[in-house]
mmCIF file of all heavy atoms, coordinates in Angstrom:
data_MODEL
# 
_entry.id   MODEL 
# 
loop_
_atom_site.group_PDB 
_atom_site.id 
_atom_site.type_symbol 
_atom_site.label_atom_id 
_atom_site.label_alt_id 
_atom_site.label_comp_id 
_atom_site.label_asym_id 
_atom_site.label_entity_id 
_atom_site.label_seq_id 
_atom_site.pdbx_PDB_ins_code 
_atom_site.Cartn_x 
_atom_site.Cartn_y 
_atom_site.Cartn_z 
_atom_site.occupancy 
_atom_site.B_iso_or_equiv 
_atom_site.pdbx_formal_charge 
_atom_site.auth_seq_id 
_atom_site.auth_comp_id 
_atom_site.auth_asym_id 
_atom_site.auth_atom_id 
_atom_site.pdbx_PDB_model_num 
ATOM 1   N N   . VAL A 1 1  ? 38.853 40.655 86.185 1.00 0.00 ? 1  VAL A N   1 
ATOM 2   C CA  . VAL A 1 1  ? 37.461 40.882 86.589 1.00 0.00 ? 1  VAL A CA  1 
ATOM 3   C C   . VAL A 1 1  ? 36.598 39.700 86.158 1.00 0.00 ? 1  VAL A C   1 
ATOM 4   O O   . VAL A 1 1  ? 35.822 39.143 86.944 1.00 0.00 ? 1  VAL A O   1 
ATOM 5   C CB  . VAL A 1 1  ? 36.909 42.191 85.991 1.00 0.00 ? 1  VAL A CB  1 
ATOM 6   C CG1 . VAL A 1 1  ? 35.481 42.438 86.481 1.00 0.00 ? 1  VAL A CG1 1 
ATOM 7   C CG2 . VAL A 1 1  ? 37.803 43.368 86.338 1.00 0.00 ? 1  VAL A CG2 1 
ATOM 8   N N   . SER A 1 2  ? 36.742 39.300 84.902 1.00 0.00 ? 2  SER A N   1 
ATOM 9   C CA  . SER A 1 2  ? 35.988 38.152 84.408 1.00 0.00 ? 2  SER A CA  1 
ATOM 10  C C   . SER A 1 2  ? 36.448 36.866 85.080 1.00 0.00 ? 2  SER A C   1 
ATOM 11  O O   . SER A 1 2  ? 35.636 35.959 85.328 1.00 0.00 ? 2  SER A O   1 
ATOM 12  C CB  . SER A 1 2  ? 36.117 38.038 82.888 1.00 0.00 ? 2  SER A CB  1 
ATOM 13  O OG  . SER A 1 2  ? 37.452 37.803 82.488 1.00 0.00 ? 2  SER A OG  1 
ATOM 14  N N   . LEU A 1 3  ? 37.731 36.770 85.397 1.00 0.00 ? 3  LEU A N   1 
ATOM 15  C CA  . LEU A 1 3  ? 38.243 35.564 86.056 1.00 0.00 ? 3  LEU A CA  1 
ATOM 16  C C   . LEU A 1 3  ? 37.722 35.425 87.476 1.00 0.00 ? 3  LEU A C   1 
ATOM 17  O O   . LEU A 1 3  ? 37.417 34.316 87.931 1.00 0.00 ? 3  LEU A O   1 
ATOM 18  C CB  . LEU A 1 3  ? 39.772 35.564 86.056 1.00 0.00 ? 3  LEU A CB  1 
ATOM 19  C CG  . LEU A 1 3  ? 40.434 35.084 84.759 1.00 0.00 ? 3  LEU A CG  1 
ATOM 20  C CD1 . LEU A 1 3  ? 41.948 35.218 84.859 1.00 0.00 ? 3  LEU A CD1 1 
ATOM 21  C CD2 . LEU A 1 3  ? 40.056 33.638 84.464 1.00 0.00 ? 3  LEU A CD2 1 
ATOM 22  N N   . GLU A 1 4  ? 37.626 36.532 88.191 1.00 0.00 ? 4  GLU A N   1 
ATOM 23  C CA  . GLU A 1 4  ? 37.036 36.494 89.533 1.00 0.00 ? 4  GLU A CA  1 
ATOM 24  C C   . GLU A 1 4  ? 35.612 35.946 89.471 1.00 0.00 ? 4  GLU A C   1 
ATOM 25  O O   . GLU A 1 4  ? 35.199 35.134 90.299 1.00 0.00 ? 4  GLU A O   1 
ATOM 26  C CB  . GLU A 1 4  ? 37.030 37.880 90.153 1.00 0.00 ? 4  GLU A CB  1 
ATOM 27  C CG  . GLU A 1 4  ? 38.391 38.339 90.662 1.00 0.00 ? 4  GLU A CG  1 
ATOM 28  C CD  . GLU A 1 4  ? 38.341 39.748 91.216 1.00 0.00 ? 4  GLU A CD  1 
ATOM 29  O OE1 . GLU A 1 4  ? 37.494 40.551 90.770 1.00 0.00 ? 4  GLU A OE1 1 
ATOM 30  O OE2 . GLU A 1 4  ? 39.145 40.060 92.106 1.00 0.00 ? 4  GLU A OE2 1 
ATOM 31  N N   . TYR A 1 5  ? 34.862 36.397 88.476 1.00 0.00 ? 5  TYR A N   1 
ATOM 32  C CA  . TYR A 1 5  ? 33.499 35.921 88.276 1.00 0.00 ? 5  TYR A CA  1 
ATOM 33  C C   . TYR A 1 5  ? 33.490 34.433 87.964 1.00 0.00 ? 5  TYR A C   1 
ATOM 34  O O   . TYR A 1 5  ? 32.694 33.671 88.521 1.00 0.00 ? 5  TYR A O   1 
ATOM 35  C CB  . TYR A 1 5  ? 32.857 36.715 87.139 1.00 0.00 ? 5  TYR A CB  1 
ATOM 36  C CG  . TYR A 1 5  ? 31.523 36.184 86.668 1.00 0.00 ? 5  TYR A CG  1 
ATOM 37  C CD1 . TYR A 1 5  ? 30.370 36.383 87.411 1.00 0.00 ? 5  TYR A CD1 1 
ATOM 38  C CD2 . TYR A 1 5  ? 31.426 35.495 85.458 1.00 0.00 ? 5  TYR A CD2 1 
ATOM 39  C CE1 . TYR A 1 5  ? 29.146 35.910 86.970 1.00 0.00 ? 5  TYR A CE1 1 
ATOM 40  C CE2 . TYR A 1 5  ? 30.213 35.014 85.011 1.00 0.00 ? 5  TYR A CE2 1 
ATOM 41  C CZ  . TYR A 1 5  ? 29.071 35.220 85.771 1.00 0.00 ? 5  TYR A CZ  1 
ATOM 42  O OH  . TYR A 1 5  ? 27.863 34.735 85.338 1.00 0.00 ? 5  TYR A OH  1 
ATOM 43  N N   . SER A 1 6  ? 34.377 34.005 87.086 1.00 0.00 ? 6  SER A N   1 
ATOM 44  C CA  . SER A 1 6  ? 34.451 32.602 86.699 1.00 0.00 ? 6  SER A CA  1 
ATOM 45  C C   . SER A 1 6  ? 34.807 31.708 87.879 1.00 0.00 ? 6  SER A C   1 
ATOM 46  O O   . SER A 1 6  ? 34.247 30.620 88.043 1.00 0.00 ? 6  SER A O   1 
ATOM 47  C CB  . SER A 1 6  ? 35.472 32.431 85.570 1.00 0.00 ? 6  SER A CB  1 
ATOM 48  O OG  . SER A 1 6  ? 35.466 31.120 85.065 1.00 0.00 ? 6  SER A OG  1 
ATOM 49  N N   . ILE A 1 7  ? 35.733 32.154 88.704 1.00 0.00 ? 7  ILE A N   1 
ATOM 50  C CA  . ILE A 1 7  ? 36.116 31.401 89.900 1.00 0.00 ? 7  ILE A CA  1 
ATOM 51  C C   . ILE A 1 7  ? 34.922 31.230 90.830 1.00 0.00 ? 7  ILE A C   1 
ATOM 52  O O   . ILE A 1 7  ? 34.689 30.157 91.383 1.00 0.00 ? 7  ILE A O   1 
ATOM 53  C CB  . ILE A 1 7  ? 37.295 32.098 90.616 1.00 0.00 ? 7  ILE A CB  1 
ATOM 54  C CG1 . ILE A 1 7  ? 38.577 31.940 89.784 1.00 0.00 ? 7  ILE A CG1 1 
ATOM 55  C CG2 . ILE A 1 7  ? 37.501 31.530 92.015 1.00 0.00 ? 7  ILE A CG2 1 
ATOM 56  C CD1 . ILE A 1 7  ? 39.719 32.821 90.244 1.00 0.00 ? 7  ILE A CD1 1 
ATOM 57  N N   . ARG A 1 8  ? 34.142 32.297 90.972 1.00 0.00 ? 8  ARG A N   1 
ATOM 58  C CA  . ARG A 1 8  ? 32.965 32.246 91.846 1.00 0.00 ? 8  ARG A CA  1 
ATOM 59  C C   . ARG A 1 8  ? 31.896 31.297 91.310 1.00 0.00 ? 8  ARG A C   1 
ATOM 60  O O   . ARG A 1 8  ? 31.361 30.471 92.053 1.00 0.00 ? 8  ARG A O   1 
ATOM 61  C CB  . ARG A 1 8  ? 32.392 33.649 92.018 1.00 0.00 ? 8  ARG A CB  1 
ATOM 62  C CG  . ARG A 1 8  ? 31.024 33.679 92.722 1.00 0.00 ? 8  ARG A CG  1 
ATOM 63  C CD  . ARG A 1 8  ? 30.658 35.071 93.148 1.00 0.00 ? 8  ARG A CD  1 
ATOM 64  N NE  . ARG A 1 8  ? 30.512 36.007 92.039 1.00 0.00 ? 8  ARG A NE  1 
ATOM 65  C CZ  . ARG A 1 8  ? 29.405 36.167 91.323 1.00 0.00 ? 8  ARG A CZ  1 
ATOM 66  N NH1 . ARG A 1 8  ? 28.334 35.423 91.573 1.00 0.00 ? 8  ARG A NH1 1 
ATOM 67  N NH2 . ARG A 1 8  ? 29.345 37.071 90.350 1.00 0.00 ? 8  ARG A NH2 1 
ATOM 68  N N   . VAL A 1 9  ? 31.589 31.416 90.038 1.00 0.00 ? 9  VAL A N   1 
ATOM 69  C CA  . VAL A 1 9  ? 30.524 30.614 89.438 1.00 0.00 ? 9  VAL A CA  1 
ATOM 70  C C   . VAL A 1 9  ? 30.883 29.132 89.409 1.00 0.00 ? 9  VAL A C   1 
ATOM 71  O O   . VAL A 1 9  ? 30.027 28.259 89.618 1.00 0.00 ? 9  VAL A O   1 
ATOM 72  C CB  . VAL A 1 9  ? 30.214 31.131 88.009 1.00 0.00 ? 9  VAL A CB  1 
ATOM 73  C CG1 . VAL A 1 9  ? 29.295 30.170 87.276 1.00 0.00 ? 9  VAL A CG1 1 
ATOM 74  C CG2 . VAL A 1 9  ? 29.589 32.495 88.053 1.00 0.00 ? 9  VAL A CG2 1 
ATOM 75  N N   . ASN A 1 10 ? 32.149 28.828 89.180 1.00 0.00 ? 10 ASN A N   1 
ATOM 76  C CA  . ASN A 1 10 ? 32.594 27.435 89.072 1.00 0.00 ? 10 ASN A CA  1 
ATOM 77  C C   . ASN A 1 10 ? 33.044 26.814 90.393 1.00 0.00 ? 10 ASN A C   1 
ATOM 78  O O   . ASN A 1 10 ? 33.131 25.594 90.497 1.00 0.00 ? 10 ASN A O   1 
ATOM 79  C CB  . ASN A 1 10 ? 33.754 27.331 88.080 1.00 0.00 ? 10 ASN A CB  1 
ATOM 80  C CG  . ASN A 1 10 ? 33.324 27.502 86.644 1.00 0.00 ? 10 ASN A CG  1 
ATOM 81  O OD1 . ASN A 1 10 ? 32.746 26.607 86.040 1.00 0.00 ? 10 ASN A OD1 1 
ATOM 82  N ND2 . ASN A 1 10 ? 33.624 28.671 86.077 1.00 0.00 ? 10 ASN A ND2 1 
ATOM 83  N N   . GLY A 1 11 ? 33.375 27.654 91.377 1.00 0.00 ? 11 GLY A N   1 
ATOM 84  C CA  . GLY A 1 11 ? 33.967 27.121 92.602 1.00 0.00 ? 11 GLY A CA  1 
ATOM 85  C C   . GLY A 1 11 ? 35.380 26.605 92.370 1.00 0.00 ? 11 GLY A C   1 
ATOM 86  O O   . GLY A 1 11 ? 35.790 25.598 92.963 1.00 0.00 ? 11 GLY A O   1 
ATOM 87  N N   . ILE A 1 12 ? 36.114 27.286 91.504 1.00 0.00 ? 12 ILE A N   1 
ATOM 88  C CA  . ILE A 1 12 ? 37.470 26.851 91.152 1.00 0.00 ? 12 ILE A CA  1 
ATOM 89  C C   . ILE A 1 12 ? 38.363 26.844 92.385 1.00 0.00 ? 12 ILE A C   1 
ATOM 90  O O   . ILE A 1 12 ? 38.432 27.822 93.124 1.00 0.00 ? 12 ILE A O   1 
ATOM 91  C CB  . ILE A 1 12 ? 38.055 27.753 90.047 1.00 0.00 ? 12 ILE A CB  1 
ATOM 92  C CG1 . ILE A 1 12 ? 37.302 27.499 88.722 1.00 0.00 ? 12 ILE A CG1 1 
ATOM 93  C CG2 . ILE A 1 12 ? 39.549 27.529 89.865 1.00 0.00 ? 12 ILE A CG2 1 
ATOM 94  C CD1 . ILE A 1 12 ? 37.617 28.493 87.625 1.00 0.00 ? 12 ILE A CD1 1 
ATOM 95  N N   . THR A 1 13 ? 39.053 25.721 92.581 1.00 0.00 ? 13 THR A N   1 
ATOM 96  C CA  . THR A 1 13 ? 39.899 25.553 93.756 1.00 0.00 ? 13 THR A CA  1 
ATOM 97  C C   . THR A 1 13 ? 41.377 25.821 93.470 1.00 0.00 ? 13 THR A C   1 
ATOM 98  O O   . THR A 1 13 ? 42.138 26.125 94.385 1.00 0.00 ? 13 THR A O   1 
ATOM 99  C CB  . THR A 1 13 ? 39.736 24.140 94.335 1.00 0.00 ? 13 THR A CB  1 
ATOM 100 O OG1 . THR A 1 13 ? 39.928 23.154 93.294 1.00 0.00 ? 13 THR A OG1 1 
ATOM 101 C CG2 . THR A 1 13 ? 38.330 23.955 94.906 1.00 0.00 ? 13 THR A CG2 1 
ATOM 102 N N   . ARG A 1 14 ? 41.786 25.680 92.215 1.00 0.00 ? 14 ARG A N   1 
ATOM 103 C CA  . ARG A 1 14 ? 43.156 25.985 91.813 1.00 0.00 ? 14 ARG A CA  1 
ATOM 104 C C   . ARG A 1 14 ? 43.197 26.246 90.320 1.00 0.00 ? 14 ARG A C   1 
ATOM 105 O O   . ARG A 1 14 ? 42.290 25.875 89.578 1.00 0.00 ? 14 ARG A O   1 
ATOM 106 C CB  . ARG A 1 14 ? 44.124 24.864 92.207 1.00 0.00 ? 14 ARG A CB  1 
ATOM 107 C CG  . ARG A 1 14 ? 43.668 23.468 91.836 1.00 0.00 ? 14 ARG A CG  1 
ATOM 108 C CD  . ARG A 1 14 ? 44.636 22.431 92.363 1.00 0.00 ? 14 ARG A CD  1 
ATOM 109 N NE  . ARG A 1 14 ? 44.181 21.078 92.050 1.00 0.00 ? 14 ARG A NE  1 
ATOM 110 C CZ  . ARG A 1 14 ? 44.935 19.999 92.136 1.00 0.00 ? 14 ARG A CZ  1 
ATOM 111 N NH1 . ARG A 1 14 ? 46.196 20.101 92.540 1.00 0.00 ? 14 ARG A NH1 1 
ATOM 112 N NH2 . ARG A 1 14 ? 44.456 18.801 91.830 1.00 0.00 ? 14 ARG A NH2 1 
ATOM 113 N N   . ILE A 1 15 ? 44.299 26.874 89.893 1.00 0.00 ? 15 ILE A N   1 
ATOM 114 C CA  . ILE A 1 15 ? 44.399 27.370 88.522 1.00 0.00 ? 15 ILE A CA  1 
ATOM 115 C C   . ILE A 1 15 ? 45.594 26.755 87.810 1.00 0.00 ? 15 ILE A C   1 
ATOM 116 O O   . ILE A 1 15 ? 46.669 26.588 88.395 1.00 0.00 ? 15 ILE A O   1 
ATOM 117 C CB  . ILE A 1 15 ? 44.530 28.907 88.511 1.00 0.00 ? 15 ILE A CB  1 
ATOM 118 C CG1 . ILE A 1 15 ? 43.245 29.550 89.029 1.00 0.00 ? 15 ILE A CG1 1 
ATOM 119 C CG2 . ILE A 1 15 ? 44.860 29.425 87.119 1.00 0.00 ? 15 ILE A CG2 1 
ATOM 120 C CD1 . ILE A 1 15 ? 43.391 31.042 89.276 1.00 0.00 ? 15 ILE A CD1 1 
ATOM 121 N N   . ALA A 1 16 ? 45.406 26.439 86.537 1.00 0.00 ? 16 ALA A N   1 
ATOM 122 C CA  . ALA A 1 16 ? 46.499 26.069 85.648 1.00 0.00 ? 16 ALA A CA  1 
ATOM 123 C C   . ALA A 1 16 ? 46.643 27.177 84.612 1.00 0.00 ? 16 ALA A C   1 
ATOM 124 O O   . ALA A 1 16 ? 45.695 27.464 83.868 1.00 0.00 ? 16 ALA A O   1 
ATOM 125 C CB  . ALA A 1 16 ? 46.223 24.734 84.959 1.00 0.00 ? 16 ALA A CB  1 
ATOM 126 N N   . VAL A 1 17 ? 47.787 27.839 84.574 1.00 0.00 ? 17 VAL A N   1 
ATOM 127 C CA  . VAL A 1 17 ? 48.040 28.932 83.638 1.00 0.00 ? 17 VAL A CA  1 
ATOM 128 C C   . VAL A 1 17 ? 48.775 28.381 82.417 1.00 0.00 ? 17 VAL A C   1 
ATOM 129 O O   . VAL A 1 17 ? 49.802 27.724 82.541 1.00 0.00 ? 17 VAL A O   1 
ATOM 130 C CB  . VAL A 1 17 ? 48.878 30.051 84.295 1.00 0.00 ? 17 VAL A CB  1 
ATOM 131 C CG1 . VAL A 1 17 ? 49.204 31.143 83.270 1.00 0.00 ? 17 VAL A CG1 1 
ATOM 132 C CG2 . VAL A 1 17 ? 48.130 30.656 85.479 1.00 0.00 ? 17 VAL A CG2 1 
ATOM 133 N N   . THR A 1 18 ? 48.242 28.666 81.245 1.00 0.00 ? 18 THR A N   1 
ATOM 134 C CA  . THR A 1 18 ? 48.838 28.179 80.008 1.00 0.00 ? 18 THR A CA  1 
ATOM 135 C C   . THR A 1 18 ? 49.417 29.327 79.182 1.00 0.00 ? 18 THR A C   1 
ATOM 136 O O   . THR A 1 18 ? 49.092 30.495 79.393 1.00 0.00 ? 18 THR A O   1 
ATOM 137 C CB  . THR A 1 18 ? 47.810 27.423 79.154 1.00 0.00 ? 18 THR A CB  1 
ATOM 138 O OG1 . THR A 1 18 ? 46.748 28.329 78.790 1.00 0.00 ? 18 THR A OG1 1 
ATOM 139 C CG2 . THR A 1 18 ? 47.214 26.245 79.926 1.00 0.00 ? 18 THR A CG2 1 
ATOM 140 N N   . LYS A 1 19 ? 50.288 28.977 78.264 1.00 0.00 ? 19 LYS A N   1 
ATOM 141 C CA  . LYS A 1 19 ? 50.872 29.894 77.280 1.00 0.00 ? 19 LYS A CA  1 
ATOM 142 C C   . LYS A 1 19 ? 51.607 31.079 77.902 1.00 0.00 ? 19 LYS A C   1 
ATOM 143 O O   . LYS A 1 19 ? 51.620 32.179 77.325 1.00 0.00 ? 19 LYS A O   1 
ATOM 144 C CB  . LYS A 1 19 ? 49.799 30.372 76.296 1.00 0.00 ? 19 LYS A CB  1 
ATOM 145 C CG  . LYS A 1 19 ? 49.369 29.289 75.312 1.00 0.00 ? 19 LYS A CG  1 
ATOM 146 C CD  . LYS A 1 19 ? 48.657 29.860 74.109 1.00 0.00 ? 19 LYS A CD  1 
ATOM 147 C CE  . LYS A 1 19 ? 48.527 28.865 72.989 1.00 0.00 ? 19 LYS A CE  1 
ATOM 148 N NZ  . LYS A 1 19 ? 47.941 29.416 71.749 1.00 0.00 ? 19 LYS A NZ  1 
ATOM 149 N N   . LEU A 1 20 ? 52.230 30.864 79.033 1.00 0.00 ? 20 LEU A N   1 
ATOM 150 C CA  . LEU A 1 20 ? 53.046 31.936 79.617 1.00 0.00 ? 20 LEU A CA  1 
ATOM 151 C C   . LEU A 1 20 ? 54.160 32.343 78.668 1.00 0.00 ? 20 LEU A C   1 
ATOM 152 O O   . LEU A 1 20 ? 54.534 33.520 78.588 1.00 0.00 ? 20 LEU A O   1 
ATOM 153 C CB  . LEU A 1 20 ? 53.635 31.471 80.952 1.00 0.00 ? 20 LEU A CB  1 
ATOM 154 C CG  . LEU A 1 20 ? 54.464 32.521 81.695 1.00 0.00 ? 20 LEU A CG  1 
ATOM 155 C CD1 . LEU A 1 20 ? 53.575 33.618 82.275 1.00 0.00 ? 20 LEU A CD1 1 
ATOM 156 C CD2 . LEU A 1 20 ? 55.312 31.883 82.795 1.00 0.00 ? 20 LEU A CD2 1 
ATOM 157 N N   . ASP A 1 21 ? 54.690 31.381 77.912 1.00 0.00 ? 21 ASP A N   1 
ATOM 158 C CA  . ASP A 1 21 ? 55.806 31.644 77.004 1.00 0.00 ? 21 ASP A CA  1 
ATOM 159 C C   . ASP A 1 21 ? 55.464 32.637 75.895 1.00 0.00 ? 21 ASP A C   1 
ATOM 160 O O   . ASP A 1 21 ? 56.366 33.277 75.337 1.00 0.00 ? 21 ASP A O   1 
ATOM 161 C CB  . ASP A 1 21 ? 56.291 30.330 76.373 1.00 0.00 ? 21 ASP A CB  1 
ATOM 162 C CG  . ASP A 1 21 ? 55.161 29.566 75.689 1.00 0.00 ? 21 ASP A CG  1 
ATOM 163 O OD1 . ASP A 1 21 ? 54.190 29.211 76.389 1.00 0.00 ? 21 ASP A OD1 1 
ATOM 164 O OD2 . ASP A 1 21 ? 55.250 29.314 74.457 1.00 0.00 ? 21 ASP A OD2 1 
ATOM 165 N N   . VAL A 1 22 ? 54.175 32.794 75.576 1.00 0.00 ? 22 VAL A N   1 
ATOM 166 C CA  . VAL A 1 22 ? 53.771 33.748 74.539 1.00 0.00 ? 22 VAL A CA  1 
ATOM 167 C C   . VAL A 1 22 ? 54.133 35.174 74.935 1.00 0.00 ? 22 VAL A C   1 
ATOM 168 O O   . VAL A 1 22 ? 54.388 36.030 74.087 1.00 0.00 ? 22 VAL A O   1 
ATOM 169 C CB  . VAL A 1 22 ? 52.256 33.616 74.254 1.00 0.00 ? 22 VAL A CB  1 
ATOM 170 C CG1 . VAL A 1 22 ? 51.782 34.687 73.280 1.00 0.00 ? 22 VAL A CG1 1 
ATOM 171 C CG2 . VAL A 1 22 ? 51.948 32.225 73.696 1.00 0.00 ? 22 VAL A CG2 1 
ATOM 172 N N   . LEU A 1 23 ? 54.221 35.438 76.230 1.00 0.00 ? 23 LEU A N   1 
ATOM 173 C CA  . LEU A 1 23 ? 54.522 36.775 76.732 1.00 0.00 ? 23 LEU A CA  1 
ATOM 174 C C   . LEU A 1 23 ? 56.021 37.037 76.867 1.00 0.00 ? 23 LEU A C   1 
ATOM 175 O O   . LEU A 1 23 ? 56.416 38.118 77.326 1.00 0.00 ? 23 LEU A O   1 
ATOM 176 C CB  . LEU A 1 23 ? 53.846 36.995 78.089 1.00 0.00 ? 23 LEU A CB  1 
ATOM 177 C CG  . LEU A 1 23 ? 52.316 36.835 78.129 1.00 0.00 ? 23 LEU A CG  1 
ATOM 178 C CD1 . LEU A 1 23 ? 51.805 37.054 79.552 1.00 0.00 ? 23 LEU A CD1 1 
ATOM 179 C CD2 . LEU A 1 23 ? 51.640 37.797 77.172 1.00 0.00 ? 23 LEU A CD2 1 
ATOM 180 N N   . ASP A 1 24 ? 56.851 36.079 76.467 1.00 0.00 ? 24 ASP A N   1 
ATOM 181 C CA  . ASP A 1 24 ? 58.295 36.182 76.700 1.00 0.00 ? 24 ASP A CA  1 
ATOM 182 C C   . ASP A 1 24 ? 58.940 37.425 76.088 1.00 0.00 ? 24 ASP A C   1 
ATOM 183 O O   . ASP A 1 24 ? 59.928 37.931 76.618 1.00 0.00 ? 24 ASP A O   1 
ATOM 184 C CB  . ASP A 1 24 ? 59.009 34.939 76.147 1.00 0.00 ? 24 ASP A CB  1 
ATOM 185 C CG  . ASP A 1 24 ? 58.826 33.709 77.023 1.00 0.00 ? 24 ASP A CG  1 
ATOM 186 O OD1 . ASP A 1 24 ? 58.274 33.840 78.132 1.00 0.00 ? 24 ASP A OD1 1 
ATOM 187 O OD2 . ASP A 1 24 ? 59.235 32.609 76.587 1.00 0.00 ? 24 ASP A OD2 1 
ATOM 188 N N   . ASP A 1 25 ? 58.410 37.896 74.948 1.00 0.00 ? 25 ASP A N   1 
ATOM 189 C CA  . ASP A 1 25 ? 59.067 38.984 74.226 1.00 0.00 ? 25 ASP A CA  1 
ATOM 190 C C   . ASP A 1 25 ? 58.462 40.360 74.507 1.00 0.00 ? 25 ASP A C   1 
ATOM 191 O O   . ASP A 1 25 ? 58.844 41.346 73.868 1.00 0.00 ? 25 ASP A O   1 
ATOM 192 C CB  . ASP A 1 25 ? 59.022 38.712 72.717 1.00 0.00 ? 25 ASP A CB  1 
ATOM 193 C CG  . ASP A 1 25 ? 59.835 37.483 72.324 1.00 0.00 ? 25 ASP A CG  1 
ATOM 194 O OD1 . ASP A 1 25 ? 60.834 37.192 73.008 1.00 0.00 ? 25 ASP A OD1 1 
ATOM 195 O OD2 . ASP A 1 25 ? 59.450 36.807 71.344 1.00 0.00 ? 25 ASP A OD2 1 
ATOM 196 N N   . PHE A 1 26 ? 57.543 40.446 75.451 1.00 0.00 ? 26 PHE A N   1 
ATOM 197 C CA  . PHE A 1 26 ? 56.891 41.720 75.746 1.00 0.00 ? 26 PHE A CA  1 
ATOM 198 C C   . PHE A 1 26 ? 57.611 42.445 76.886 1.00 0.00 ? 26 PHE A C   1 
ATOM 199 O O   . PHE A 1 26 ? 57.745 41.906 77.984 1.00 0.00 ? 26 PHE A O   1 
ATOM 200 C CB  . PHE A 1 26 ? 55.416 41.504 76.103 1.00 0.00 ? 26 PHE A CB  1 
ATOM 201 C CG  . PHE A 1 26 ? 54.560 41.103 74.926 1.00 0.00 ? 26 PHE A CG  1 
ATOM 202 C CD1 . PHE A 1 26 ? 54.507 39.776 74.509 1.00 0.00 ? 26 PHE A CD1 1 
ATOM 203 C CD2 . PHE A 1 26 ? 53.834 42.051 74.241 1.00 0.00 ? 26 PHE A CD2 1 
ATOM 204 C CE1 . PHE A 1 26 ? 53.725 39.412 73.422 1.00 0.00 ? 26 PHE A CE1 1 
ATOM 205 C CE2 . PHE A 1 26 ? 53.047 41.698 73.148 1.00 0.00 ? 26 PHE A CE2 1 
ATOM 206 C CZ  . PHE A 1 26 ? 52.999 40.374 72.737 1.00 0.00 ? 26 PHE A CZ  1 
ATOM 207 N N   . ALA A 1 27 ? 58.033 43.683 76.620 1.00 0.00 ? 27 ALA A N   1 
ATOM 208 C CA  . ALA A 1 27 ? 58.725 44.468 77.640 1.00 0.00 ? 27 ALA A CA  1 
ATOM 209 C C   . ALA A 1 27 ? 57.769 44.958 78.725 1.00 0.00 ? 27 ALA A C   1 
ATOM 210 O O   . ALA A 1 27 ? 58.170 45.172 79.869 1.00 0.00 ? 27 ALA A O   1 
ATOM 211 C CB  . ALA A 1 27 ? 59.432 45.660 76.996 1.00 0.00 ? 27 ALA A CB  1 
ATOM 212 N N   . GLU A 1 28 ? 56.509 45.162 78.363 1.00 0.00 ? 28 GLU A N   1 
ATOM 213 C CA  . GLU A 1 28 ? 55.477 45.565 79.304 1.00 0.00 ? 28 GLU A CA  1 
ATOM 214 C C   . GLU A 1 28 ? 54.262 44.666 79.126 1.00 0.00 ? 28 GLU A C   1 
ATOM 215 O O   . GLU A 1 28 ? 53.843 44.388 78.002 1.00 0.00 ? 28 GLU A O   1 
ATOM 216 C CB  . GLU A 1 28 ? 55.073 47.025 79.103 1.00 0.00 ? 28 GLU A CB  1 
ATOM 217 C CG  . GLU A 1 28 ? 54.011 47.508 80.085 1.00 0.00 ? 28 GLU A CG  1 
ATOM 218 C CD  . GLU A 1 28 ? 53.503 48.913 79.786 1.00 0.00 ? 28 GLU A CD  1 
ATOM 219 O OE1 . GLU A 1 28 ? 53.488 49.282 78.593 1.00 0.00 ? 28 GLU A OE1 1 
ATOM 220 O OE2 . GLU A 1 28 ? 53.111 49.631 80.725 1.00 0.00 ? 28 GLU A OE2 1 
ATOM 221 N N   . ILE A 1 29 ? 53.707 44.192 80.221 1.00 0.00 ? 29 ILE A N   1 
ATOM 222 C CA  . ILE A 1 29 ? 52.532 43.330 80.202 1.00 0.00 ? 29 ILE A CA  1 
ATOM 223 C C   . ILE A 1 29 ? 51.478 43.952 81.100 1.00 0.00 ? 29 ILE A C   1 
ATOM 224 O O   . ILE A 1 29 ? 51.774 44.368 82.219 1.00 0.00 ? 29 ILE A O   1 
ATOM 225 C CB  . ILE A 1 29 ? 52.885 41.902 80.684 1.00 0.00 ? 29 ILE A CB  1 
ATOM 226 C CG1 . ILE A 1 29 ? 53.947 41.286 79.770 1.00 0.00 ? 29 ILE A CG1 1 
ATOM 227 C CG2 . ILE A 1 29 ? 51.639 41.019 80.731 1.00 0.00 ? 29 ILE A CG2 1 
ATOM 228 C CD1 . ILE A 1 29 ? 54.590 40.049 80.342 1.00 0.00 ? 29 ILE A CD1 1 
# 
């Protein structure tokens, strides 16, 4: 929800996702 707002306010054209590896050990996300 906050990201949709941020994309709108900034005019973001593409995304870089960081720290995906932090979620490696979670069975449910």
